[in-house]
Amino acid sequence: MKRQLLSAASALLLGGAAALISTAPAHADTPTITFAGTVALDDCSGSLISFANSSPSDPALILTNGHCLETGMPDPGQVIVDQPSSRTFTLLDASGNSLGTLQASQVDYSTMTNTDVTIYQLNSSYADIQNTYGISPLVMSSTHPTAGSSIEVVSGYWQTTYSCNIDGFVNKLEEANWTWLDSVRYTSSCNTIGGTSGSPVIDTTTGQVVAVNNTGNENGESCTLDNPCEVDANGNITVHQGTNYAEETYYIPACFGPGNVLDLTRAGCGLPQP
């Protein structure tokens, strides 16, 4: 996992208008990917995100990894919803400079089962953030990413961008006791490091978030912490030392209704339920 090292004990962890809600231009030009809308956590990266049906008055949301949850990594099979939180996030401008601090009101959702995701609800709306900082959220795509697509992994923690392509998809990605499904495998130039956990993976054609960065195989071990292995549909295991991965997010928008209210029973929602 690409979480930032905090101590010797954690050394194994690497760990308005509707236009307000979109950073992608209305014309056909390729969008410019910047740090605007990304955030830095104390040990991870993240992003300010919205959905196509989000409104400026809705409470804003932050996307990061499940293993970046401040109360500890969720156990296999565990799903956390509506957990109080006052966690803070440093909001970045286009150049990666700090604009100010955003604060959570709760953890809307967190799990490391099938995926590796935490979604925080903030105590401010998208309109509040736009009016105070001039920053719009990144829009989360509701379409499955495509192999070969050009992507950028944008780390707010390091103010660093990694550019590569989607190499393919992994039936099952296993790391220690956790299993993730249909994970994104990067080509080699996305050599992400500790602290990049939770970074948005942005499709460079649409400017939308298609996945969340989460792990990589560091030293060639098989299925151990910081050394995920790939398991195909027949149960065959392969290891790709130095290869990094992300978890898809296209099925998350369907889990949120009007007002950015989480509803795991909505049609099309692919997140595990508690």
Protein backbone atom coordinates (compact mmCIF):
# COMPACT_ATOMS: atom_id res chain seq x y z
CA MET A 1 0.00 0.00 0.00
CA LYS A 2 1.21 3.46 -0.84
CA ARG A 3 0.58 5.15 2.51
CA GLN A 4 3.30 7.43 3.87
CA LEU A 5 5.60 6.00 6.54
CA LEU A 6 4.79 7.48 9.96
CA SER A 7 7.03 5.56 12.39
CA ALA A 8 9.05 2.41 12.75
CA ALA A 9 5.88 0.63 13.86
CA SER A 10 4.21 1.54 10.58
CA ALA A 11 7.20 0.91 8.36
CA LEU A 12 5.36 -1.82 6.48
CA LEU A 13 2.62 0.55 5.34
CA LEU A 14 3.04 2.56 2.19
CA GLY A 15 0.63 3.59 2.77
CA GLY A 16 -23.92 28.80 -8.39
CA ALA A 17 -24.08 27.05 -11.66
CA ALA A 18 -23.83 23.42 -12.71
CA ALA A 19 -20.45 24.26 -14.28
CA LEU A 20 -19.10 24.52 -10.74
CA ILE A 21 -19.10 20.75 -10.53
CA SER A 22 -16.91 20.02 -13.55
CA THR A 23 -13.24 20.59 -14.27
CA ALA A 24 -13.52 19.13 -17.78
CA PRO A 25 -14.10 21.72 -20.52
CA ALA A 26 -17.33 21.69 -22.51
CA HIS A 27 -15.41 21.64 -25.81
CA ALA A 28 -13.48 18.75 -27.32
CA ASP A 29 -9.99 19.93 -26.35
CA THR A 30 -7.94 17.73 -24.07
CA PRO A 31 -8.24 19.01 -20.48
CA THR A 32 -5.21 20.23 -18.59
CA ILE A 33 -4.51 18.11 -15.51
CA THR A 34 -3.27 20.13 -12.53
CA PHE A 35 -3.22 19.84 -8.73
CA ALA A 36 -6.39 21.93 -8.42
CA GLY A 37 -8.94 19.95 -6.42
CA THR A 38 -6.41 17.54 -4.94
CA VAL A 39 -5.73 17.43 -1.20
CA ALA A 40 -2.95 16.36 1.14
CA LEU A 41 -3.71 14.29 4.23
CA ASP A 42 -1.29 13.77 7.10
CA ASP A 43 -0.10 10.48 5.58
CA CYS A 44 -1.87 10.08 2.22
CA SER A 45 -3.22 11.88 -0.82
CA GLY A 46 -6.81 12.53 -1.86
CA SER A 47 -9.13 14.65 -3.95
CA LEU A 48 -12.21 16.82 -3.74
CA ILE A 49 -14.75 14.91 -5.84
CA SER A 50 -18.30 15.27 -7.12
CA PHE A 51 -20.71 13.34 -9.31
CA ALA A 52 -22.57 14.37 -12.46
CA ASN A 53 -25.75 14.96 -10.45
CA SER A 54 -24.08 16.87 -7.60
CA SER A 55 -25.23 20.43 -6.93
CA PRO A 56 -23.20 23.43 -5.71
CA SER A 57 -25.14 23.44 -2.42
CA ASP A 58 -24.37 19.78 -1.66
CA PRO A 59 -21.88 18.91 1.09
CA ALA A 60 -18.51 18.38 -0.58
CA LEU A 61 -16.78 15.00 -0.59
CA ILE A 62 -13.15 13.86 -0.29
CA LEU A 63 -11.92 10.61 -1.87
CA THR A 64 -8.94 8.65 -0.53
CA ASN A 65 -8.09 5.02 0.30
CA GLY A 66 -9.69 2.76 2.86
CA HIS A 67 -6.25 2.08 4.32
CA CYS A 68 -5.84 5.85 4.87
CA LEU A 69 -8.72 5.94 7.38
CA GLU A 70 -7.53 7.80 10.50
CA THR A 71 -8.99 5.18 12.88
CA GLY A 72 -7.04 2.35 11.27
CA MET A 73 -7.35 0.07 8.27
CA PRO A 74 -10.74 -1.67 8.00
CA ASP A 75 -10.62 -5.43 8.51
CA PRO A 76 -11.42 -7.75 5.61
CA GLY A 77 -15.19 -7.78 5.24
CA GLN A 78 -15.65 -4.62 7.30
CA VAL A 79 -17.66 -1.69 5.92
CA ILE A 80 -17.82 1.60 7.83
CA VAL A 81 -20.58 4.14 7.20
CA ASP A 82 -21.61 7.41 8.87
CA GLN A 83 -18.67 7.52 11.27
CA PRO A 84 -18.04 10.94 12.89
CA SER A 85 -14.80 12.59 11.80
CA SER A 86 -13.12 15.96 12.17
CA ARG A 87 -10.15 15.10 9.95
CA THR A 88 -8.57 17.99 8.06
CA PHE A 89 -7.27 18.18 4.50
CA THR A 90 -4.95 20.69 2.83
CA LEU A 91 -6.53 21.94 -0.39
CA LEU A 92 -4.14 22.65 -3.27
CA ASP A 93 -4.24 25.08 -6.16
CA ALA A 94 -3.28 24.27 -9.74
CA SER A 95 0.44 24.60 -8.98
CA GLY A 96 0.31 22.44 -5.85
CA ASN A 97 0.39 25.32 -3.37
CA SER A 98 -1.67 25.17 -0.19
CA LEU A 99 -4.85 27.25 -0.28
CA GLY A 100 -6.25 26.39 3.12
CA THR A 101 -7.79 23.64 5.21
CA LEU A 102 -10.98 21.67 4.66
CA GLN A 103 -12.59 19.73 7.51
CA ALA A 104 -14.64 16.55 7.52
CA SER A 105 -17.89 16.16 9.39
CA GLN A 106 -18.05 12.39 8.93
CA VAL A 107 -16.78 9.34 7.11
CA ASP A 108 -19.57 8.60 4.65
CA TYR A 109 -18.03 5.28 3.64
CA SER A 110 -14.85 3.25 4.13
CA THR A 111 -13.81 -0.29 3.26
CA MET A 112 -10.91 -2.42 2.08
CA THR A 113 -13.20 -5.19 0.84
CA ASN A 114 -13.37 -5.58 -2.98
CA THR A 115 -11.95 -2.07 -3.22
CA ASP A 116 -9.83 0.31 -1.11
CA VAL A 117 -11.77 3.52 -0.58
CA THR A 118 -12.76 6.10 2.01
CA ILE A 119 -15.17 8.93 1.21
CA TYR A 120 -15.38 11.83 3.67
CA GLN A 121 -18.21 14.33 3.84
CA LEU A 122 -17.05 17.88 4.57
CA ASN A 123 -18.68 20.56 6.72
CA SER A 124 -18.64 22.87 3.68
CA SER A 125 -20.42 22.78 0.33
CA TYR A 126 -18.94 22.92 -3.16
CA ALA A 127 -20.20 26.50 -3.41
CA ASP A 128 -18.47 27.40 -0.13
CA ILE A 129 -15.17 26.03 -1.43
CA GLN A 130 -15.57 27.73 -4.81
CA ASN A 131 -16.36 31.07 -3.20
CA THR A 132 -13.51 30.86 -0.67
CA TYR A 133 -10.75 29.24 -2.72
CA GLY A 134 -11.87 29.35 -6.36
CA ILE A 135 -11.56 25.57 -6.63
CA SER A 136 -14.01 23.20 -8.31
CA PRO A 137 -14.12 19.48 -7.55
CA LEU A 138 -12.92 16.71 -9.83
CA VAL A 139 -15.79 14.78 -11.39
CA MET A 140 -15.91 11.02 -10.87
CA SER A 141 -16.62 9.09 -14.05
CA SER A 142 -19.49 6.58 -14.06
CA THR A 143 -17.93 4.62 -16.95
CA HIS A 144 -15.56 1.67 -16.62
CA PRO A 145 -12.01 2.76 -17.56
CA THR A 146 -10.48 1.47 -20.79
CA ALA A 147 -7.24 -0.46 -21.19
CA GLY A 148 -4.60 1.63 -22.92
CA SER A 149 -6.09 4.94 -21.74
CA SER A 150 -3.68 7.72 -20.86
CA ILE A 151 -3.88 8.59 -17.16
CA GLU A 152 -2.24 10.78 -14.56
CA VAL A 153 -1.92 9.91 -10.87
CA VAL A 154 -1.90 13.23 -9.00
CA SER A 155 -0.47 13.12 -5.47
CA GLY A 156 -1.42 16.00 -3.21
CA TYR A 157 0.88 14.70 -0.47
CA TRP A 158 3.99 14.99 -2.64
CA GLN A 159 2.69 17.57 -5.16
CA THR A 160 3.85 15.11 -7.79
CA THR A 161 2.16 13.78 -10.93
CA TYR A 162 2.79 10.38 -12.51
CA SER A 163 1.89 9.90 -16.18
CA CYS A 164 1.33 6.49 -17.76
CA ASN A 165 -1.37 4.28 -19.30
CA ILE A 166 -3.75 1.64 -18.04
CA ASP A 167 -1.89 -1.58 -18.79
CA GLY A 168 -4.91 -3.76 -18.04
CA PHE A 169 -7.23 -5.03 -15.33
CA VAL A 170 -6.69 -7.62 -12.60
CA ASN A 171 -9.39 -10.18 -11.82
CA LYS A 172 -8.32 -10.30 -8.15
CA LEU A 173 -5.52 -8.42 -6.45
CA GLU A 174 -4.54 -9.95 -3.12
CA GLU A 175 -2.40 -8.25 -0.48
CA ALA A 176 -1.99 -9.74 3.01
CA ASN A 177 -5.58 -10.40 4.18
CA TRP A 178 -7.33 -8.11 1.66
CA THR A 179 -8.74 -8.88 -1.79
CA TRP A 180 -9.61 -6.25 -4.41
CA LEU A 181 -11.59 -6.91 -7.58
CA ASP A 182 -11.06 -5.66 -11.16
CA SER A 183 -8.09 -3.52 -10.16
CA VAL A 184 -6.25 -1.20 -12.56
CA ARG A 185 -2.67 -2.12 -13.45
CA TYR A 186 -0.42 0.76 -14.54
CA THR A 187 2.29 0.74 -17.15
CA SER A 188 5.77 1.13 -15.70
CA SER A 189 6.10 4.92 -15.73
CA CYS A 190 3.58 5.29 -12.88
CA ASN A 191 6.16 4.31 -10.27
CA THR A 192 4.16 5.61 -7.31
CA ILE A 193 5.69 5.74 -3.81
CA GLY A 194 4.62 5.98 -0.17
CA GLY A 195 2.33 8.95 0.40
CA THR A 196 0.58 8.57 -2.98
CA SER A 197 -2.14 6.39 -1.47
CA GLY A 198 -5.55 7.85 -2.26
CA SER A 199 -4.37 9.94 -5.22
CA PRO A 200 -7.00 10.39 -7.93
CA VAL A 201 -6.31 8.57 -11.18
CA ILE A 202 -7.44 10.96 -13.89
CA ASP A 203 -8.21 10.08 -17.50
CA THR A 204 -6.31 12.66 -19.53
CA THR A 205 -8.93 12.69 -22.30
CA THR A 206 -11.96 13.44 -20.11
CA GLY A 207 -10.33 15.02 -17.05
CA GLN A 208 -12.46 12.76 -14.86
CA VAL A 209 -11.49 10.47 -11.98
CA VAL A 210 -11.56 6.81 -13.03
CA ALA A 211 -9.75 5.17 -10.10
CA VAL A 212 -7.96 5.74 -6.80
CA ASN A 213 -4.27 4.86 -6.45
CA ASN A 214 -3.58 2.30 -3.72
CA THR A 215 -0.69 -0.18 -3.89
CA GLY A 216 2.29 -1.75 -5.64
CA ASN A 217 4.55 -4.76 -5.40
CA GLU A 218 7.77 -3.54 -3.79
CA ASN A 219 10.17 -6.48 -3.50
CA GLY A 220 8.71 -9.40 -5.45
CA GLU A 221 7.04 -11.27 -2.60
CA SER A 222 3.72 -12.94 -3.30
CA CYS A 223 0.46 -11.73 -1.72
CA THR A 224 2.13 -10.15 1.33
CA LEU A 225 1.77 -6.62 2.74
CA ASP A 226 3.18 -4.14 0.20
CA ASN A 227 3.54 -7.01 -2.28
CA PRO A 228 0.18 -7.68 -3.93
CA CYS A 229 -0.22 -10.62 -6.27
CA GLU A 230 -2.54 -11.04 -9.23
CA VAL A 231 -5.00 -13.95 -9.23
CA ASP A 232 -6.70 -14.83 -12.52
CA ALA A 233 -10.12 -16.43 -13.00
CA ASN A 234 -8.55 -19.90 -12.81
CA GLY A 235 -6.76 -19.17 -9.54
CA ASN A 236 -3.31 -18.80 -11.10
CA ILE A 237 -1.07 -16.37 -9.18
CA THR A 238 1.43 -14.02 -10.80
CA VAL A 239 3.73 -11.43 -9.24
CA HIS A 240 4.97 -8.27 -10.96
CA GLN A 241 7.67 -6.62 -8.88
CA GLY A 242 7.68 -2.84 -9.30
CA THR A 243 4.17 -2.75 -10.77
CA ASN A 244 1.61 -0.41 -9.21
CA TYR A 245 -2.17 -0.50 -9.04
CA ALA A 246 -5.37 1.44 -8.44
CA GLU A 247 -8.99 0.62 -7.62
CA GLU A 248 -11.77 1.57 -10.02
CA THR A 249 -14.40 4.09 -8.94
CA TYR A 250 -16.97 4.06 -11.77
CA TYR A 251 -19.62 2.27 -9.66
CA ILE A 252 -19.44 4.78 -6.79
CA PRO A 253 -21.55 7.64 -8.28
CA ALA A 254 -24.62 5.37 -8.37
CA CYS A 255 -24.30 4.96 -4.58
CA PHE A 256 -25.08 8.64 -3.94
CA GLY A 257 -28.49 10.22 -4.44
CA PRO A 258 -29.65 13.84 -4.47
CA GLY A 259 -27.82 15.98 -1.94
CA ASN A 260 -24.80 13.65 -2.07
CA VAL A 261 -26.64 11.29 0.30
CA LEU A 262 -25.10 7.81 0.48
CA ASP A 263 -27.58 5.04 -0.39
CA LEU A 264 -25.97 1.65 -0.93
CA THR A 265 -29.28 0.16 -2.10
CA ARG A 266 -29.47 2.33 -5.24
CA ALA A 267 -29.46 0.58 -8.61
CA GLY A 268 -25.96 0.26 -10.01
CA CYS A 269 -24.20 0.83 -6.69
CA GLY A 270 -21.20 -1.51 -6.58
CA LEU A 271 -19.88 -0.80 -3.10
CA PRO A 272 -20.12 -3.58 -0.49
CA GLN A 273 -22.80 -3.08 2.14
CA PRO A 274 -22.20 -3.37 5.90
